[in-house]
Amino acid sequence: MKQRTLERIGRPVSVVGLGTWQLGADWGEVTEADALAVLEASAEAGVTFYDTADVYGDGRSERILGRFVAEHSDAGFMVATKMGRRAEQVPANYSEANFRSWIDRSRTNLGTDRLDLVQLHCPPSEVIDDDRTYDVLDRLVEDGSIAAYGVSVETAAQALSAIGRPHVASVQIILNAFRAKPLDEVLPAAEAAGVGIIARVPLASGLLSGKYHLNTTFAADDHRTYNRDGSAFDVGETFSGVDYATGVEAAREFSELVAESDLDITPAQAAIAWIAHQPGVSTVIPGARNVAQAQANAAAGVVAELPASFLEGVADLYDRRIRAQVHARW
């Protein structure tokens, strides 16, 4: 597994990490035993970076991850959690008192005195642009509650605002073959500033695996069922904001492109490798609901190179099928 260093923290992370939303909630049921098996498989495959949030399963993901990390205390894992969605996402709720309350809860869930990396969890733009936000986060670093902080964002404009802050260690943003806008400005700006980029939703909620069809159904408690209209949270988090029918057809083309390129990897692995090969990306965080998925995702972290014809084909597919739906919106 390739490693890259989060420059402002000075810590190496695996180029393919693991997102643990699936292990908490909103993707159908995953038992605790299965969740721990996914974590073990990822670690055995070389994953050292784990992303969670205090709201995934109301803390379930953090608690399971904390138990796993405690059992591997010498492994050097880095855990990034997120805060800010335990209350209504209005600027007034992003107060120092709430920050400390949320952080204390995450420290308890994860079983640690100091959190490795805390990210604001897609807050309003006003919070990202406010000097007071970073004053509070700096105090939390100074008193040892957190080692570093970053911002998880929905839009490129929010990412650029956060990158301009001197102590922001990382920006987490949706980046995949169906959401390529961060390539324009965000990745170059982050690389120039030494800010890490954590790429989430790498498979467009599974679309890029090429396994879905128009009649595929998802569990009632799966966000791919209940959030297609964005009624629960930003619709960009579900299928990357792409209309499902369009996404299924575009994913079929993506799978054909992988086959034509003789990559000898699955479409999902090609999608992850495509992100990992973008200059400025620190780590990609696909999720996994079972051991096989965790192993396959991690294997994408050792793909040496991608042919120019494949990269050109992905760009063409995005321009023809996807750009009009998502590029201007996020």
Protein backbone atom coordinates (compact mmCIF):
# COMPACT_ATOMS: atom_id res chain seq x y z
CA MET A 1 0.00 0.00 0.00
CA LYS A 2 1.34 3.40 -0.97
CA GLN A 3 1.70 6.00 1.79
CA ARG A 4 1.40 9.78 1.55
CA THR A 5 2.16 12.35 4.21
CA LEU A 6 -0.39 14.83 5.52
CA GLU A 7 2.05 17.72 5.33
CA ARG A 8 0.62 19.99 8.03
CA ILE A 9 0.42 17.07 10.47
CA GLY A 10 3.59 15.28 9.46
CA ARG A 11 1.97 11.85 9.55
CA PRO A 12 1.85 9.26 6.78
CA VAL A 13 -1.49 7.78 5.73
CA SER A 14 -2.37 4.96 3.37
CA VAL A 15 -3.38 6.23 -0.06
CA VAL A 16 -6.52 4.13 0.32
CA GLY A 17 -8.16 4.48 3.70
CA LEU A 18 -11.51 3.29 4.96
CA GLY A 19 -14.67 5.31 5.41
CA THR A 20 -16.80 3.88 8.21
CA TRP A 21 -20.22 5.41 7.57
CA GLN A 22 -21.36 1.94 6.48
CA LEU A 23 -20.33 0.52 9.85
CA GLY A 24 -22.57 2.95 11.69
CA ALA A 25 -25.80 3.40 9.76
CA ASP A 26 -27.59 4.45 6.58
CA TRP A 27 -26.36 1.62 4.33
CA GLY A 28 -28.47 -1.25 5.60
CA GLU A 29 -27.64 -3.38 8.63
CA VAL A 30 -24.03 -4.31 9.38
CA THR A 31 -23.49 -6.35 12.55
CA GLU A 32 -20.72 -5.43 14.98
CA ALA A 33 -18.92 -8.68 14.20
CA ASP A 34 -19.03 -7.92 10.49
CA ALA A 35 -17.86 -4.36 11.13
CA LEU A 36 -14.85 -5.57 13.10
CA ALA A 37 -14.07 -8.11 10.38
CA VAL A 38 -14.08 -5.29 7.79
CA LEU A 39 -11.68 -3.27 9.95
CA GLU A 40 -9.36 -6.25 10.41
CA ALA A 41 -9.33 -7.02 6.69
CA SER A 42 -8.55 -3.42 5.82
CA ALA A 43 -5.65 -3.30 8.27
CA GLU A 44 -4.22 -6.55 6.95
CA ALA A 45 -4.35 -5.02 3.46
CA GLY A 46 -2.30 -2.00 4.57
CA VAL A 47 -4.95 0.57 5.45
CA THR A 48 -3.79 2.97 8.18
CA PHE A 49 -6.30 5.83 7.82
CA TYR A 50 -9.86 5.54 9.12
CA ASP A 51 -12.59 8.15 8.76
CA THR A 52 -15.69 8.27 10.95
CA ALA A 53 -18.14 10.80 12.43
CA ASP A 54 -20.01 11.28 15.69
CA VAL A 55 -23.36 10.90 13.92
CA TYR A 56 -22.69 7.62 12.12
CA GLY A 57 -25.11 5.38 13.95
CA ASP A 58 -25.29 7.99 16.72
CA GLY A 59 -21.72 7.13 17.70
CA ARG A 60 -21.80 3.42 16.86
CA SER A 61 -19.13 3.75 14.17
CA GLU A 62 -16.81 5.63 16.54
CA ARG A 63 -17.29 3.08 19.31
CA ILE A 64 -16.58 0.10 17.08
CA LEU A 65 -13.55 1.84 15.59
CA GLY A 66 -12.31 2.80 19.05
CA ARG A 67 -12.49 -0.81 20.18
CA PHE A 68 -10.61 -1.93 17.07
CA VAL A 69 -7.85 0.67 17.45
CA ALA A 70 -7.42 -0.20 21.14
CA GLU A 71 -6.80 -3.81 20.15
CA HIS A 72 -4.08 -2.63 17.72
CA SER A 73 -2.47 0.08 19.80
CA ASP A 74 0.95 -0.31 18.17
CA ALA A 75 -0.27 -0.22 14.57
CA GLY A 76 0.04 3.53 14.10
CA PHE A 77 -3.47 3.99 12.78
CA MET A 78 -4.76 7.50 12.22
CA VAL A 79 -8.42 8.13 13.01
CA ALA A 80 -10.26 11.14 11.64
CA THR A 81 -13.68 11.92 13.01
CA LYS A 82 -16.16 14.67 12.24
CA MET A 83 -18.39 16.95 14.31
CA GLY A 84 -21.14 19.48 13.79
CA ARG A 85 -24.21 17.53 12.75
CA ARG A 86 -25.55 16.74 16.20
CA ALA A 87 -27.44 20.02 16.03
CA GLU A 88 -29.17 22.03 13.35
CA GLN A 89 -26.60 23.29 10.83
CA VAL A 90 -26.98 27.00 11.56
CA PRO A 91 -24.01 29.26 12.39
CA ALA A 92 -25.15 29.93 15.96
CA ASN A 93 -24.72 26.26 16.86
CA TYR A 94 -21.01 26.24 15.96
CA SER A 95 -20.01 27.58 19.36
CA GLU A 96 -17.02 26.74 21.54
CA ALA A 97 -19.29 25.08 24.09
CA ASN A 98 -20.78 22.79 21.44
CA PHE A 99 -17.38 22.04 19.93
CA ARG A 100 -16.09 20.93 23.32
CA SER A 101 -19.21 18.88 24.03
CA TRP A 102 -19.01 17.10 20.67
CA ILE A 103 -15.28 16.49 21.02
CA ASP A 104 -15.66 15.10 24.53
CA ARG A 105 -18.30 12.68 23.27
CA SER A 106 -16.05 11.52 20.44
CA ARG A 107 -13.11 11.09 22.80
CA THR A 108 -15.29 8.85 24.96
CA ASN A 109 -16.57 6.88 21.97
CA LEU A 110 -13.08 6.40 20.55
CA GLY A 111 -11.47 5.78 23.94
CA THR A 112 -8.76 8.41 23.62
CA ASP A 113 -7.76 11.61 25.39
CA ARG A 114 -6.74 13.37 22.17
CA LEU A 115 -8.36 13.02 18.78
CA ASP A 116 -5.96 12.64 15.83
CA LEU A 117 -7.96 14.75 13.40
CA VAL A 118 -11.32 16.46 13.84
CA GLN A 119 -13.18 17.74 10.80
CA LEU A 120 -16.11 20.10 10.76
CA HIS A 121 -18.85 18.01 9.18
CA CYS A 122 -20.05 19.96 6.13
CA PRO A 123 -20.96 23.14 8.02
CA PRO A 124 -22.60 26.18 6.43
CA SER A 125 -20.34 28.41 4.36
CA GLU A 126 -20.66 31.17 6.96
CA VAL A 127 -18.94 28.92 9.51
CA ILE A 128 -16.13 28.02 7.12
CA ASP A 129 -15.57 31.69 6.33
CA ASP A 130 -15.65 32.89 9.97
CA ASP A 131 -12.34 33.67 11.73
CA ARG A 132 -13.89 32.71 15.07
CA THR A 133 -14.30 29.12 13.92
CA TYR A 134 -10.56 28.69 13.60
CA ASP A 135 -9.81 30.60 16.80
CA VAL A 136 -11.80 27.97 18.72
CA LEU A 137 -10.21 25.07 16.84
CA ASP A 138 -6.75 26.49 17.54
CA ARG A 139 -7.56 26.60 21.26
CA LEU A 140 -8.62 22.95 21.13
CA VAL A 141 -5.26 22.07 19.61
CA GLU A 142 -3.42 24.15 22.20
CA ASP A 143 -5.13 22.45 25.15
CA GLY A 144 -4.50 18.96 23.76
CA SER A 145 -8.09 17.95 23.04
CA ILE A 146 -7.29 17.46 19.37
CA ALA A 147 -4.04 17.03 17.49
CA ALA A 148 -5.21 18.68 14.26
CA TYR A 149 -8.31 19.83 12.46
CA GLY A 150 -9.79 19.97 8.99
CA VAL A 151 -13.04 20.70 7.20
CA SER A 152 -15.35 18.36 5.31
CA VAL A 153 -17.12 20.34 2.60
CA GLU A 154 -19.82 20.06 -0.02
CA THR A 155 -18.58 22.62 -2.57
CA ALA A 156 -15.36 23.67 -4.25
CA ALA A 157 -15.85 27.23 -3.00
CA GLN A 158 -16.00 26.00 0.60
CA ALA A 159 -12.86 23.93 0.04
CA LEU A 160 -10.94 26.91 -1.29
CA SER A 161 -12.01 29.01 1.70
CA ALA A 162 -10.78 26.35 4.14
CA ILE A 163 -7.51 25.80 2.26
CA GLY A 164 -6.71 29.47 2.76
CA ARG A 165 -6.58 29.04 6.55
CA PRO A 166 -3.05 28.55 7.92
CA HIS A 167 -3.79 25.71 10.34
CA VAL A 168 -6.30 23.64 8.39
CA ALA A 169 -4.61 20.26 7.97
CA SER A 170 -7.06 18.66 5.58
CA VAL A 171 -10.10 19.17 3.42
CA GLN A 172 -12.47 16.31 2.76
CA ILE A 173 -14.47 16.57 -0.45
CA ILE A 174 -16.46 14.39 -2.84
CA LEU A 175 -14.17 13.43 -5.70
CA ASN A 176 -14.73 10.67 -8.21
CA ALA A 177 -15.11 10.08 -11.94
CA PHE A 178 -18.64 11.52 -11.69
CA ARG A 179 -17.61 14.55 -9.57
CA ALA A 180 -14.49 15.97 -11.17
CA LYS A 181 -14.83 19.67 -10.38
CA PRO A 182 -12.21 19.55 -7.55
CA LEU A 183 -9.59 18.87 -10.21
CA ASP A 184 -10.02 22.40 -11.57
CA GLU A 185 -8.93 24.50 -8.59
CA VAL A 186 -9.23 22.64 -5.29
CA LEU A 187 -6.52 20.03 -5.74
CA PRO A 188 -3.92 22.47 -7.14
CA ALA A 189 -4.63 24.94 -4.31
CA ALA A 190 -4.39 22.26 -1.64
CA GLU A 191 -1.15 20.88 -3.03
CA ALA A 192 0.39 24.37 -3.14
CA ALA A 193 -0.68 25.10 0.45
CA GLY A 194 0.33 21.73 1.90
CA VAL A 195 -3.26 20.88 2.84
CA GLY A 196 -4.23 17.22 2.66
CA ILE A 197 -7.13 16.13 0.47
CA ILE A 198 -9.36 13.32 1.71
CA ALA A 199 -11.49 12.09 -1.19
CA ARG A 200 -14.86 10.72 -0.15
CA VAL A 201 -17.70 8.99 -2.04
CA PRO A 202 -15.14 7.53 -4.47
CA LEU A 203 -17.59 5.07 -6.00
CA ALA A 204 -20.51 7.51 -6.29
CA SER A 205 -22.40 5.52 -3.65
CA GLY A 206 -21.56 2.30 -5.46
CA LEU A 207 -22.56 3.35 -8.97
CA LEU A 208 -19.00 3.11 -10.25
CA SER A 209 -18.80 -0.53 -9.22
CA GLY A 210 -20.90 -1.20 -12.33
CA LYS A 211 -23.10 -3.63 -10.37
CA TYR A 212 -26.32 -1.61 -10.30
CA HIS A 213 -29.13 -1.53 -12.84
CA LEU A 214 -32.33 0.44 -13.14
CA ASN A 215 -34.28 -2.12 -11.09
CA THR A 216 -31.75 -2.42 -8.26
CA THR A 217 -33.39 -1.82 -4.87
CA PHE A 218 -31.80 -0.74 -1.62
CA ALA A 219 -32.91 -1.17 1.97
CA ALA A 220 -35.41 1.31 3.38
CA ASP A 221 -32.78 2.58 5.86
CA ASP A 222 -30.18 3.01 3.08
CA HIS A 223 -29.65 6.63 2.03
CA ARG A 224 -29.65 5.46 -1.58
CA THR A 225 -33.37 4.88 -1.04
CA TYR A 226 -34.45 7.75 1.16
CA ASN A 227 -32.14 10.60 0.12
CA ARG A 228 -32.36 10.55 -3.67
CA ASP A 229 -34.22 13.85 -3.51
CA GLY A 230 -31.92 15.37 -0.90
CA SER A 231 -34.65 15.47 1.74
CA ALA A 232 -32.41 14.12 4.51
CA PHE A 233 -29.07 15.80 3.67
CA ASP A 234 -27.24 17.22 0.67
CA VAL A 235 -28.26 15.20 -2.36
CA GLY A 236 -24.66 15.32 -3.57
CA GLU A 237 -23.82 12.70 -0.95
CA THR A 238 -26.12 10.19 -2.68
CA PHE A 239 -24.88 8.93 -6.06
CA SER A 240 -22.74 12.11 -6.11
CA GLY A 241 -25.84 14.07 -7.05
CA VAL A 242 -26.18 12.30 -10.39
CA ASP A 243 -29.64 11.23 -11.51
CA TYR A 244 -29.81 7.48 -10.88
CA ALA A 245 -30.81 6.47 -14.40
CA THR A 246 -28.05 8.62 -15.89
CA GLY A 247 -25.58 7.23 -13.37
CA VAL A 248 -26.39 3.61 -14.18
CA GLU A 249 -25.86 4.19 -17.90
CA ALA A 250 -22.66 6.18 -17.33
CA ALA A 251 -21.37 3.47 -14.98
CA ARG A 252 -21.96 0.87 -17.71
CA GLU A 253 -19.76 2.95 -20.02
CA PHE A 254 -17.15 3.29 -17.29
CA SER A 255 -17.04 -0.49 -16.86
CA GLU A 256 -16.64 -0.93 -20.62
CA LEU A 257 -13.79 1.59 -20.57
CA VAL A 258 -12.04 -0.38 -17.82
CA ALA A 259 -12.37 -3.58 -19.83
CA GLU A 260 -11.13 -1.95 -23.02
CA SER A 261 -8.09 -0.58 -21.18
CA ASP A 262 -6.89 -4.07 -20.15
CA LEU A 263 -6.33 -2.91 -16.59
CA ASP A 264 -6.97 -6.35 -15.08
CA ILE A 265 -8.82 -4.73 -12.15
CA THR A 266 -12.50 -4.26 -11.36
CA PRO A 267 -14.40 -1.07 -12.21
CA ALA A 268 -14.53 -0.20 -8.51
CA GLN A 269 -10.77 -0.58 -8.18
CA ALA A 270 -10.24 1.49 -11.32
CA ALA A 271 -12.48 4.23 -9.89
CA ILE A 272 -10.47 4.33 -6.66
CA ALA A 273 -7.15 4.20 -8.49
CA TRP A 274 -8.26 7.07 -10.76
CA ILE A 275 -8.71 9.28 -7.68
CA ALA A 276 -5.49 8.14 -6.03
CA HIS A 277 -3.55 9.10 -9.16
CA GLN A 278 -4.76 12.70 -9.09
CA PRO A 279 -2.00 15.09 -7.93
CA GLY A 280 -2.82 16.51 -4.51
CA VAL A 281 -4.92 13.62 -3.21
CA SER A 282 -3.70 12.34 0.16
CA THR A 283 -6.09 9.43 0.73
CA VAL A 284 -9.26 7.97 -0.73
CA ILE A 285 -11.84 6.63 1.72
CA PRO A 286 -14.17 4.05 0.16
CA GLY A 287 -16.52 2.32 2.55
CA ALA A 288 -17.05 -1.41 2.83
CA ARG A 289 -19.87 -3.56 4.22
CA ASN A 290 -17.98 -6.87 4.08
CA VAL A 291 -14.47 -8.30 4.05
CA ALA A 292 -14.35 -8.88 0.30
CA GLN A 293 -15.16 -5.23 -0.39
CA ALA A 294 -12.53 -4.04 2.08
CA GLN A 295 -9.85 -6.23 0.52
CA ALA A 296 -10.75 -5.26 -3.03
CA ASN A 297 -10.81 -1.54 -2.24
CA ALA A 298 -7.42 -1.66 -0.56
CA ALA A 299 -5.93 -3.48 -3.53
CA ALA A 300 -6.55 -0.35 -5.60
CA GLY A 301 -3.86 1.33 -3.52
CA VAL A 302 -1.13 -0.67 -5.22
CA VAL A 303 -2.12 0.06 -8.84
CA ALA A 304 1.09 1.39 -10.35
CA GLU A 305 -0.23 3.44 -13.24
CA LEU A 306 -3.24 4.08 -15.44
CA PRO A 307 -2.93 4.35 -19.24
CA ALA A 308 -3.47 7.71 -20.86
CA SER A 309 -6.30 6.26 -22.97
CA PHE A 310 -8.22 5.37 -19.81
CA LEU A 311 -7.71 8.80 -18.26
CA GLU A 312 -8.83 10.46 -21.48
CA GLY A 313 -11.85 8.17 -21.64
CA VAL A 314 -12.91 9.07 -18.11
CA ALA A 315 -12.67 12.77 -18.93
CA ASP A 316 -14.75 12.30 -22.07
CA LEU A 317 -17.40 10.29 -20.21
CA TYR A 318 -17.68 12.99 -17.57
CA ASP A 319 -18.03 15.73 -20.16
CA ARG A 320 -20.68 13.88 -22.16
CA ARG A 321 -22.79 12.29 -19.43
CA ILE A 322 -22.22 14.00 -16.10
CA ARG A 323 -20.83 17.52 -16.26
CA ALA A 324 -24.12 19.28 -17.01
CA GLN A 325 -25.79 17.75 -13.93
CA VAL A 326 -23.17 18.38 -11.25
CA HIS A 327 -20.28 20.63 -12.25
CA ALA A 328 -21.87 24.01 -11.63
CA ARG A 329 -23.82 22.89 -8.57
CA TRP A 330 -20.97 21.87 -6.28
